[in-house]
Amino acid sequence: MDLYQCNHVDILNEIAVATPYTKFDSAVNFKLDEAATEEFGKKMYRVLQPFRFYIGNPADEKWVYVPEGFLTDLASVPKIAEKFFPHDGPYAKAAIVHDILCEQATIFVRGEPIYVTYDQAHDIFKEAMKVLQVKVLTREIIYWSVKVYFWWNGYKVPESIIGKTNNAIEYKWGA
């Protein structure tokens, strides 16, 4: 299946409405990775076990997959706003989902990889924050800040390994 020829707009049409199915399949555990932090010059965290974030309804069989060892900075927050929105706040798990979507631009539908746009990645991020019961005002501020940031910087199409100039550190973890 060519990921870039699917109709990705129809794939995620239910994201705006939370369902009991929309959930994380397990605890999301991560820890500070000192080597990656030194390598990238900012705090980087390692996902300690794989997890899925399910989207929509059970019949749709849609999910985001995050593998063990995935590196993330959690929520990318400007220094000036960290007091109000710490990078490891209650939305951190949703930020991990957003990070992998922005890097890999892929969700799975019935086990098949499907391309997603940045706008869809942002919508899934917002949905994950809702599942985590992030307060509405906080959720909206973060969501719109991300959308404006991507628009302002001209990010239109997801690319592999955005922001990770040396992805080898991620793949050699645990080896």
C-alpha atoms as a PDB file:
ATOM      1  CA  MET A   1       0.000   0.000   0.000  1.00  0.00           C
ATOM      2  CA  ASP A   2       1.377   3.398  -0.960  1.00  0.00           C
ATOM      3  CA  LEU A   3       1.039   5.536   2.160  1.00  0.00           C
ATOM      4  CA  TYR A   4       0.942   8.745   0.199  1.00  0.00           C
ATOM      5  CA  GLN A   5      -1.976   7.806  -2.059  1.00  0.00           C
ATOM      6  CA  CYS A   6      -4.573   7.068   0.609  1.00  0.00           C
ATOM      7  CA  ASN A   7      -7.404   9.431   1.411  1.00  0.00           C
ATOM      8  CA  HIS A   8      -6.110  10.472   4.820  1.00  0.00           C
ATOM      9  CA  VAL A   9      -8.902  13.000   5.395  1.00  0.00           C
ATOM     10  CA  ASP A  10     -11.537  10.247   5.631  1.00  0.00           C
ATOM     11  CA  ILE A  11      -9.365   8.075   7.869  1.00  0.00           C
ATOM     12  CA  LEU A  12      -9.565  10.407  10.872  1.00  0.00           C
ATOM     13  CA  ASN A  13     -13.009  11.931  10.505  1.00  0.00           C
ATOM     14  CA  GLU A  14     -14.159  10.810  13.986  1.00  0.00           C
ATOM     15  CA  ILE A  15     -11.254  12.269  15.974  1.00  0.00           C
ATOM     16  CA  ALA A  16     -13.176  15.370  17.028  1.00  0.00           C
ATOM     17  CA  VAL A  17     -15.538  13.253  19.158  1.00  0.00           C
ATOM     18  CA  ALA A  18     -14.064  11.325  22.070  1.00  0.00           C
ATOM     19  CA  THR A  19     -15.309   7.797  22.558  1.00  0.00           C
ATOM     20  CA  PRO A  20     -14.714   5.324  25.394  1.00  0.00           C
ATOM     21  CA  TYR A  21     -12.476   3.470  22.938  1.00  0.00           C
ATOM     22  CA  THR A  22     -10.120   6.431  22.512  1.00  0.00           C
ATOM     23  CA  LYS A  23      -7.453   5.518  25.056  1.00  0.00           C
ATOM     24  CA  PHE A  24      -3.898   4.564  25.865  1.00  0.00           C
ATOM     25  CA  ASP A  25      -3.575   0.766  25.976  1.00  0.00           C
ATOM     26  CA  SER A  26      -1.197   0.740  28.947  1.00  0.00           C
ATOM     27  CA  ALA A  27       0.739   2.950  31.284  1.00  0.00           C
ATOM     28  CA  VAL A  28       3.129   5.268  29.481  1.00  0.00           C
ATOM     29  CA  ASN A  29       6.484   5.143  31.202  1.00  0.00           C
ATOM     30  CA  PHE A  30       9.500   7.239  30.319  1.00  0.00           C
ATOM     31  CA  LYS A  31      12.708   8.401  31.967  1.00  0.00           C
ATOM     32  CA  LEU A  32      15.344  11.040  31.416  1.00  0.00           C
ATOM     33  CA  ASP A  33      18.096   9.796  29.092  1.00  0.00           C
ATOM     34  CA  GLU A  34      21.368  11.483  30.100  1.00  0.00           C
ATOM     35  CA  ALA A  35      23.284  10.498  26.945  1.00  0.00           C
ATOM     36  CA  ALA A  36      20.548  11.767  24.625  1.00  0.00           C
ATOM     37  CA  THR A  37      20.185  14.928  26.729  1.00  0.00           C
ATOM     38  CA  GLU A  38      23.879  15.615  26.277  1.00  0.00           C
ATOM     39  CA  GLU A  39      23.746  14.739  22.568  1.00  0.00           C
ATOM     40  CA  PHE A  40      20.803  17.043  21.781  1.00  0.00           C
ATOM     41  CA  GLY A  41      21.507  19.811  24.302  1.00  0.00           C
ATOM     42  CA  LYS A  42      18.050  19.616  25.875  1.00  0.00           C
ATOM     43  CA  LYS A  43      16.230  17.192  28.135  1.00  0.00           C
ATOM     44  CA  MET A  44      15.379  14.021  26.240  1.00  0.00           C
ATOM     45  CA  TYR A  45      13.324  11.148  27.564  1.00  0.00           C
ATOM     46  CA  ARG A  46      13.217   7.498  26.625  1.00  0.00           C
ATOM     47  CA  VAL A  47       9.949   5.534  26.392  1.00  0.00           C
ATOM     48  CA  LEU A  48      10.454   2.431  28.556  1.00  0.00           C
ATOM     49  CA  GLN A  49       7.789   0.153  27.088  1.00  0.00           C
ATOM     50  CA  PRO A  50       5.835   0.174  23.841  1.00  0.00           C
ATOM     51  CA  PHE A  51       2.253   1.431  23.850  1.00  0.00           C
ATOM     52  CA  ARG A  52      -0.641   2.259  21.567  1.00  0.00           C
ATOM     53  CA  PHE A  53      -3.006   5.188  21.605  1.00  0.00           C
ATOM     54  CA  TYR A  54      -6.331   4.019  20.166  1.00  0.00           C
ATOM     55  CA  ILE A  55      -8.432   6.474  18.154  1.00  0.00           C
ATOM     56  CA  GLY A  56     -12.142   6.538  17.334  1.00  0.00           C
ATOM     57  CA  ASN A  57     -14.329   3.438  17.604  1.00  0.00           C
ATOM     58  CA  PRO A  58     -13.351  -0.218  18.064  1.00  0.00           C
ATOM     59  CA  ALA A  59     -14.631  -1.140  14.591  1.00  0.00           C
ATOM     60  CA  ASP A  60     -12.243   1.394  13.053  1.00  0.00           C
ATOM     61  CA  GLU A  61      -9.169  -0.317  14.506  1.00  0.00           C
ATOM     62  CA  LYS A  62      -7.042   2.884  14.423  1.00  0.00           C
ATOM     63  CA  TRP A  63      -4.029   3.480  16.613  1.00  0.00           C
ATOM     64  CA  VAL A  64      -0.731   5.279  17.033  1.00  0.00           C
ATOM     65  CA  TYR A  65       2.145   2.996  17.987  1.00  0.00           C
ATOM     66  CA  VAL A  66       5.076   4.207  20.105  1.00  0.00           C
ATOM     67  CA  PRO A  67       7.956   1.711  20.396  1.00  0.00           C
ATOM     68  CA  GLU A  68      10.121   1.043  23.402  1.00  0.00           C
ATOM     69  CA  GLY A  69      13.216   3.234  23.252  1.00  0.00           C
ATOM     70  CA  PHE A  70      11.549   6.123  21.397  1.00  0.00           C
ATOM     71  CA  LEU A  71      13.245   9.437  22.240  1.00  0.00           C
ATOM     72  CA  THR A  72      11.146  12.502  22.974  1.00  0.00           C
ATOM     73  CA  ASP A  73      11.515  15.902  24.567  1.00  0.00           C
ATOM     74  CA  LEU A  74       7.917  15.527  25.791  1.00  0.00           C
ATOM     75  CA  ALA A  75       6.141  18.864  25.313  1.00  0.00           C
ATOM     76  CA  SER A  76       8.324  21.384  23.494  1.00  0.00           C
ATOM     77  CA  VAL A  77       7.628  24.552  25.452  1.00  0.00           C
ATOM     78  CA  PRO A  78       9.443  27.882  25.070  1.00  0.00           C
ATOM     79  CA  LYS A  79      11.459  28.837  28.179  1.00  0.00           C
ATOM     80  CA  ILE A  80       9.226  31.841  28.821  1.00  0.00           C
ATOM     81  CA  ALA A  81       6.142  29.589  29.167  1.00  0.00           C
ATOM     82  CA  GLU A  82       7.684  26.667  31.119  1.00  0.00           C
ATOM     83  CA  LYS A  83       6.433  28.000  34.462  1.00  0.00           C
ATOM     84  CA  PHE A  84       2.842  27.667  33.264  1.00  0.00           C
ATOM     85  CA  PHE A  85       3.297  24.711  30.901  1.00  0.00           C
ATOM     86  CA  PRO A  86       6.143  22.447  32.085  1.00  0.00           C
ATOM     87  CA  HIS A  87       7.387  20.025  29.432  1.00  0.00           C
ATOM     88  CA  ASP A  88       6.468  17.082  31.679  1.00  0.00           C
ATOM     89  CA  GLY A  89       2.996  18.373  32.606  1.00  0.00           C
ATOM     90  CA  PRO A  90      -0.210  16.305  32.563  1.00  0.00           C
ATOM     91  CA  TYR A  91      -0.139  16.376  28.738  1.00  0.00           C
ATOM     92  CA  ALA A  92       3.321  14.726  28.487  1.00  0.00           C
ATOM     93  CA  LYS A  93       1.963  11.355  27.354  1.00  0.00           C
ATOM     94  CA  ALA A  94      -0.044  13.073  24.624  1.00  0.00           C
ATOM     95  CA  ALA A  95       3.116  14.968  23.618  1.00  0.00           C
ATOM     96  CA  ILE A  96       4.899  11.637  23.080  1.00  0.00           C
ATOM     97  CA  VAL A  97       2.116  10.593  20.706  1.00  0.00           C
ATOM     98  CA  HIS A  98       2.406  13.941  18.898  1.00  0.00           C
ATOM     99  CA  ASP A  99       6.200  13.630  18.636  1.00  0.00           C
ATOM    100  CA  ILE A 100       6.053  10.236  16.964  1.00  0.00           C
ATOM    101  CA  LEU A 101       3.279  11.394  14.629  1.00  0.00           C
ATOM    102  CA  CYS A 102       5.364  14.396  13.557  1.00  0.00           C
ATOM    103  CA  GLU A 103       8.389  12.180  12.956  1.00  0.00           C
ATOM    104  CA  GLN A 104       6.776   9.188  11.306  1.00  0.00           C
ATOM    105  CA  ALA A 105       3.517  10.678   9.951  1.00  0.00           C
ATOM    106  CA  THR A 106       1.826   7.313  10.428  1.00  0.00           C
ATOM    107  CA  ILE A 107      -1.093   5.785  12.233  1.00  0.00           C
ATOM    108  CA  PHE A 108      -2.250   2.206  11.819  1.00  0.00           C
ATOM    109  CA  VAL A 109      -5.670   1.229  10.539  1.00  0.00           C
ATOM    110  CA  ARG A 110      -6.430  -2.483  10.812  1.00  0.00           C
ATOM    111  CA  GLY A 111      -2.687  -3.033  11.067  1.00  0.00           C
ATOM    112  CA  GLU A 112      -1.832  -1.118   7.879  1.00  0.00           C
ATOM    113  CA  PRO A 113       0.287   2.050   8.074  1.00  0.00           C
ATOM    114  CA  ILE A 114      -1.573   5.169   6.934  1.00  0.00           C
ATOM    115  CA  TYR A 115      -0.031   8.576   6.272  1.00  0.00           C
ATOM    116  CA  VAL A 116      -1.258  11.506   8.405  1.00  0.00           C
ATOM    117  CA  THR A 117      -0.735  15.234   7.969  1.00  0.00           C
ATOM    118  CA  TYR A 118       0.502  17.650  10.594  1.00  0.00           C
ATOM    119  CA  ASP A 119      -3.037  18.928  11.102  1.00  0.00           C
ATOM    120  CA  GLN A 120      -4.213  15.395  11.793  1.00  0.00           C
ATOM    121  CA  ALA A 121      -1.260  14.852  14.150  1.00  0.00           C
ATOM    122  CA  HIS A 122      -2.281  18.001  16.045  1.00  0.00           C
ATOM    123  CA  ASP A 123      -5.897  16.782  16.243  1.00  0.00           C
ATOM    124  CA  ILE A 124      -4.774  13.421  17.618  1.00  0.00           C
ATOM    125  CA  PHE A 125      -2.579  15.276  20.139  1.00  0.00           C
ATOM    126  CA  LYS A 126      -5.609  17.277  21.269  1.00  0.00           C
ATOM    127  CA  GLU A 127      -7.663  14.088  21.554  1.00  0.00           C
ATOM    128  CA  ALA A 128      -4.926  12.416  23.629  1.00  0.00           C
ATOM    129  CA  MET A 129      -4.872  15.425  25.971  1.00  0.00           C
ATOM    130  CA  LYS A 130      -8.649  15.070  26.333  1.00  0.00           C
ATOM    131  CA  VAL A 131      -8.253  11.397  27.245  1.00  0.00           C
ATOM    132  CA  LEU A 132      -5.673  12.427  29.856  1.00  0.00           C
ATOM    133  CA  GLN A 133      -8.243  14.885  31.242  1.00  0.00           C
ATOM    134  CA  VAL A 134      -6.065  17.915  30.629  1.00  0.00           C
ATOM    135  CA  LYS A 135      -8.125  20.986  31.494  1.00  0.00           C
ATOM    136  CA  VAL A 136      -9.984  22.474  28.530  1.00  0.00           C
ATOM    137  CA  LEU A 137      -8.222  25.854  28.664  1.00  0.00           C
ATOM    138  CA  THR A 138      -4.772  24.250  28.918  1.00  0.00           C
ATOM    139  CA  ARG A 139      -5.628  21.826  26.110  1.00  0.00           C
ATOM    140  CA  GLU A 140      -6.812  24.640  23.824  1.00  0.00           C
ATOM    141  CA  ILE A 141      -3.802  26.867  24.544  1.00  0.00           C
ATOM    142  CA  ILE A 142      -1.360  24.037  23.825  1.00  0.00           C
ATOM    143  CA  TYR A 143      -3.245  22.844  20.742  1.00  0.00           C
ATOM    144  CA  TRP A 144      -3.457  26.303  19.156  1.00  0.00           C
ATOM    145  CA  SER A 145       0.126  27.126  20.130  1.00  0.00           C
ATOM    146  CA  VAL A 146       1.317  24.018  18.299  1.00  0.00           C
ATOM    147  CA  LYS A 147      -0.788  24.819  15.229  1.00  0.00           C
ATOM    148  CA  VAL A 148       0.464  28.422  15.102  1.00  0.00           C
ATOM    149  CA  TYR A 149       4.073  27.313  15.661  1.00  0.00           C
ATOM    150  CA  PHE A 150       3.912  24.866  12.755  1.00  0.00           C
ATOM    151  CA  TRP A 151       2.179  27.432  10.521  1.00  0.00           C
ATOM    152  CA  TRP A 152       4.614  30.226  11.467  1.00  0.00           C
ATOM    153  CA  ASN A 153       7.634  28.024  10.723  1.00  0.00           C
ATOM    154  CA  GLY A 154       6.226  26.791   7.428  1.00  0.00           C
ATOM    155  CA  TYR A 155       5.977  23.135   8.428  1.00  0.00           C
ATOM    156  CA  LYS A 156       3.539  21.586   5.981  1.00  0.00           C
ATOM    157  CA  VAL A 157       4.482  17.963   5.357  1.00  0.00           C
ATOM    158  CA  PRO A 158       5.829  15.605   8.026  1.00  0.00           C
ATOM    159  CA  GLU A 159       9.364  14.416   7.462  1.00  0.00           C
ATOM    160  CA  SER A 160      11.206  11.506   9.004  1.00  0.00           C
ATOM    161  CA  ILE A 161      13.248  12.209  12.096  1.00  0.00           C
ATOM    162  CA  ILE A 162      12.395  15.896  12.484  1.00  0.00           C
ATOM    163  CA  GLY A 163      14.677  17.464  15.069  1.00  0.00           C
ATOM    164  CA  LYS A 164      16.831  14.373  15.498  1.00  0.00           C
ATOM    165  CA  THR A 165      20.054  15.028  13.649  1.00  0.00           C
ATOM    166  CA  ASN A 166      21.571  11.776  14.850  1.00  0.00           C
ATOM    167  CA  ASN A 167      18.919   9.106  15.128  1.00  0.00           C
ATOM    168  CA  ALA A 168      21.517   6.404  15.760  1.00  0.00           C
ATOM    169  CA  ILE A 169      21.404   7.131  19.480  1.00  0.00           C
ATOM    170  CA  GLU A 170      17.745   6.096  19.504  1.00  0.00           C
ATOM    171  CA  TYR A 171      18.248   2.807  17.709  1.00  0.00           C
ATOM    172  CA  LYS A 172      21.327   1.681  19.606  1.00  0.00           C
ATOM    173  CA  TRP A 173      19.523   2.015  22.940  1.00  0.00           C
ATOM    174  CA  GLY A 174      19.166  -1.299  24.700  1.00  0.00           C
ATOM    175  CA  ALA A 175      21.557  -3.000  22.273  1.00  0.00           C
END
